Amino acid sequence: MRYPALIATGLALTLSACGLGGLSSAANGPCPRIGVLQDASNFPVKDQAGNIRALARLNIISNSGCVYDKSNTDRTGFSTMRTVLKIQVAAARSGSTQMSSVTVPVIIATISADGLLTGRQKITLDVPFNNGGTGSEEEEVEVRINYKGSGDADTHRIVAAFDLDRDEVLLNRSRQGR
């Protein structure tokens, strides 16, 4: 069973990589904090005996800046902020493992200033291994935040995480010494 709700409960304490975007034109505005949920930043690939055969690591390597659309605020009461994140998954397999790739599920969530999950999308990346047993894959993901009013969405949060089960989250915590 997967626990995407872990994203909402752990977000406030574990965000990293804040404020990757900035101001560059009249349509652009401040970006929300953007980061990877540390408890879900590693994805262990296990065999049937429970041995880790590969490990994937999640990063956000850039975003396109944040573009605001406030044209309908007077009519609807809501504005929209949009950014494009570049998600990267790097993986390595153990020396004895012969797999050619690993498939990993990633969740990108938006969280309001009061901690409510306001949006969620899931992507799956297939990371091929080279002859040395490592590999990486990148994907661009558009994120939109619809919010009330004509202000900015910089009090919201955007977080990426692997879709992990409880045991995988606990494994990540133990590897981080927590």
Protein backbone atom coordinates (compact mmCIF):
# COMPACT_ATOMS: atom_id res chain seq x y z
CA MET A 1 0.00 0.00 0.00
CA ARG A 2 1.37 3.44 -0.96
CA TYR A 3 1.20 6.49 1.30
CA PRO A 4 1.01 9.73 -0.73
CA ALA A 5 -0.45 11.41 2.37
CA LEU A 6 3.07 11.29 3.83
CA ILE A 7 3.86 14.14 1.50
CA ALA A 8 1.38 16.47 3.19
CA THR A 9 2.29 15.54 6.76
CA GLY A 10 6.04 15.70 6.36
CA LEU A 11 6.28 18.62 3.95
CA ALA A 12 6.62 21.51 6.36
CA LEU A 13 9.59 19.95 8.11
CA THR A 14 11.58 18.50 5.25
CA LEU A 15 11.59 20.78 2.22
CA SER A 16 14.89 21.48 0.55
CA ALA A 17 16.04 23.44 -2.49
CA CYS A 18 13.86 26.50 -1.94
CA GLY A 19 13.17 29.27 -4.43
CA LEU A 20 14.69 27.98 -7.66
CA GLY A 21 12.90 30.58 -9.79
CA GLY A 22 12.73 34.33 -9.87
CA LEU A 23 11.37 37.51 -11.45
CA SER A 24 12.12 38.24 -15.09
CA SER A 25 9.10 40.00 -16.67
CA ALA A 26 5.72 41.55 -15.87
CA ALA A 27 4.02 38.13 -16.22
CA ASN A 28 6.51 36.42 -13.91
CA GLY A 29 6.38 36.49 -10.15
CA PRO A 30 7.85 34.88 -7.06
CA CYS A 31 7.93 31.09 -7.00
CA PRO A 32 6.73 28.95 -4.14
CA ARG A 33 9.28 26.93 -2.22
CA ILE A 34 10.21 23.95 -4.36
CA GLY A 35 11.91 20.83 -3.05
CA VAL A 36 12.19 17.10 -2.59
CA LEU A 37 10.69 15.40 0.46
CA GLN A 38 13.77 13.98 2.17
CA ASP A 39 11.99 10.95 3.66
CA ALA A 40 11.00 9.94 0.12
CA SER A 41 14.07 11.00 -1.87
CA ASN A 42 15.53 7.48 -2.25
CA PHE A 43 13.81 4.54 -3.92
CA PRO A 44 15.16 1.11 -2.96
CA VAL A 45 14.59 -1.64 -5.54
CA LYS A 46 14.44 -4.97 -3.72
CA ASP A 47 14.39 -8.57 -4.83
CA GLN A 48 11.88 -11.08 -3.46
CA ALA A 49 14.16 -11.84 -0.49
CA GLY A 50 14.16 -8.15 0.50
CA ASN A 51 17.75 -7.41 -0.57
CA ILE A 52 18.36 -4.01 -2.16
CA ARG A 53 19.43 -4.53 -5.77
CA ALA A 54 19.37 -0.91 -6.91
CA LEU A 55 18.84 2.52 -5.43
CA ALA A 56 17.39 5.57 -7.15
CA ARG A 57 17.76 9.19 -5.96
CA LEU A 58 15.30 11.99 -6.80
CA ASN A 59 16.29 15.61 -7.52
CA ILE A 60 14.70 18.73 -8.91
CA ILE A 61 17.42 20.26 -11.04
CA SER A 62 15.63 23.39 -12.29
CA ASN A 63 12.37 25.17 -12.86
CA SER A 64 11.29 27.57 -15.59
CA GLY A 65 10.40 30.46 -13.30
CA CYS A 66 6.84 31.13 -12.26
CA VAL A 67 4.34 32.71 -14.63
CA TYR A 68 1.11 34.16 -13.27
CA ASP A 69 -2.27 34.48 -14.94
CA LYS A 70 -4.48 36.88 -13.02
CA SER A 71 -6.71 37.79 -15.97
CA ASN A 72 -9.81 36.05 -14.57
CA THR A 73 -9.41 37.07 -10.93
CA ASP A 74 -12.14 39.74 -11.08
CA ARG A 75 -14.58 37.32 -12.69
CA THR A 76 -13.77 34.05 -10.84
CA GLY A 77 -11.88 35.19 -7.74
CA PHE A 78 -8.96 32.87 -8.58
CA SER A 79 -5.51 33.26 -10.13
CA THR A 80 -3.15 30.66 -11.57
CA MET A 81 0.61 30.21 -11.27
CA ARG A 82 2.49 27.89 -13.63
CA THR A 83 6.03 26.54 -13.65
CA VAL A 84 7.84 23.68 -15.36
CA LEU A 85 10.08 21.53 -13.14
CA LYS A 86 12.93 19.42 -14.46
CA ILE A 87 12.89 16.21 -12.40
CA GLN A 88 15.96 13.95 -12.38
CA VAL A 89 16.26 10.38 -11.16
CA ALA A 90 19.76 8.93 -10.85
CA ALA A 91 20.12 5.22 -10.11
CA ALA A 92 22.80 2.65 -9.41
CA ARG A 93 22.50 -1.12 -9.23
CA SER A 94 24.49 -3.47 -7.05
CA GLY A 95 27.41 -5.24 -8.72
CA SER A 96 25.75 -8.65 -8.91
CA THR A 97 22.43 -7.39 -10.29
CA GLN A 98 21.83 -7.86 -14.02
CA MET A 99 18.77 -5.62 -14.51
CA SER A 100 18.91 -3.29 -17.49
CA SER A 101 16.70 -0.55 -16.04
CA VAL A 102 14.58 0.44 -13.08
CA THR A 103 11.08 1.97 -13.18
CA VAL A 104 10.27 4.45 -10.43
CA PRO A 105 7.02 6.25 -9.48
CA VAL A 106 7.29 9.96 -8.63
CA ILE A 107 4.63 12.22 -7.12
CA ILE A 108 4.62 16.00 -7.53
CA ALA A 109 2.30 17.73 -5.07
CA THR A 110 1.23 21.30 -4.36
CA ILE A 111 0.50 22.35 -0.79
CA SER A 112 -1.34 25.49 0.31
CA ALA A 113 0.00 27.86 2.98
CA ASP A 114 -2.22 26.17 5.60
CA GLY A 115 -0.84 22.70 4.75
CA LEU A 116 -3.65 21.35 2.55
CA LEU A 117 -2.81 19.17 -0.44
CA THR A 118 -4.13 21.21 -3.39
CA GLY A 119 -2.83 19.20 -6.32
CA ARG A 120 -1.07 15.97 -7.11
CA GLN A 121 0.26 14.32 -10.21
CA LYS A 122 2.11 11.08 -10.67
CA ILE A 123 4.71 10.25 -13.28
CA THR A 124 6.75 7.13 -13.88
CA LEU A 125 10.34 7.26 -15.08
CA ASP A 126 12.26 4.37 -16.56
CA VAL A 127 15.98 4.74 -15.81
CA PRO A 128 18.23 2.61 -18.04
CA PHE A 129 21.56 1.38 -16.65
CA ASN A 130 24.78 1.73 -18.60
CA ASN A 131 27.52 -0.94 -18.58
CA GLY A 132 28.88 0.51 -15.32
CA GLY A 133 25.57 -0.08 -13.55
CA THR A 134 24.46 3.54 -13.25
CA GLY A 135 22.01 5.71 -15.13
CA SER A 136 19.83 8.78 -14.96
CA GLU A 137 16.68 10.07 -16.55
CA GLU A 138 15.12 13.55 -16.64
CA GLU A 139 11.59 14.69 -17.31
CA GLU A 140 9.93 18.09 -17.43
CA VAL A 141 6.65 18.37 -15.52
CA GLU A 142 4.28 21.32 -15.68
CA VAL A 143 2.87 22.34 -12.29
CA ARG A 144 -0.10 24.69 -11.87
CA ILE A 145 -1.38 26.21 -8.68
CA ASN A 146 -4.88 27.70 -8.67
CA TYR A 147 -5.36 29.95 -5.68
CA LYS A 148 -7.83 32.48 -4.36
CA GLY A 149 -7.24 36.18 -4.94
CA SER A 150 -4.86 38.23 -7.04
CA GLY A 151 -1.74 37.96 -4.87
CA ASP A 152 1.15 35.63 -5.50
CA ALA A 153 1.39 31.88 -4.85
CA ASP A 154 4.73 32.15 -3.05
CA THR A 155 3.19 30.96 0.24
CA HIS A 156 2.37 27.60 -1.38
CA ARG A 157 4.82 24.70 -1.68
CA ILE A 158 5.72 22.34 -4.51
CA VAL A 159 7.25 19.04 -3.45
CA ALA A 160 8.45 15.96 -5.31
CA ALA A 161 8.77 12.52 -3.75
CA PHE A 162 9.02 8.88 -4.70
CA ASP A 163 5.76 7.01 -4.13
CA LEU A 164 6.93 4.75 -1.28
CA ASP A 165 5.28 2.35 1.12
CA ARG A 166 5.68 2.69 4.89
CA ASP A 167 8.65 0.31 5.09
CA GLU A 168 10.51 2.18 2.35
CA VAL A 169 10.00 5.50 4.18
CA LEU A 170 11.30 3.94 7.40
CA LEU A 171 14.32 2.57 5.52
CA ASN A 172 15.09 6.07 4.19
CA ARG A 173 14.80 7.52 7.69
CA SER A 174 17.12 4.87 9.15
CA ARG A 175 19.71 5.50 6.43
CA GLN A 176 19.60 9.21 7.29
CA GLY A 177 20.19 8.46 10.96
CA ARG A 178 16.69 9.40 12.15
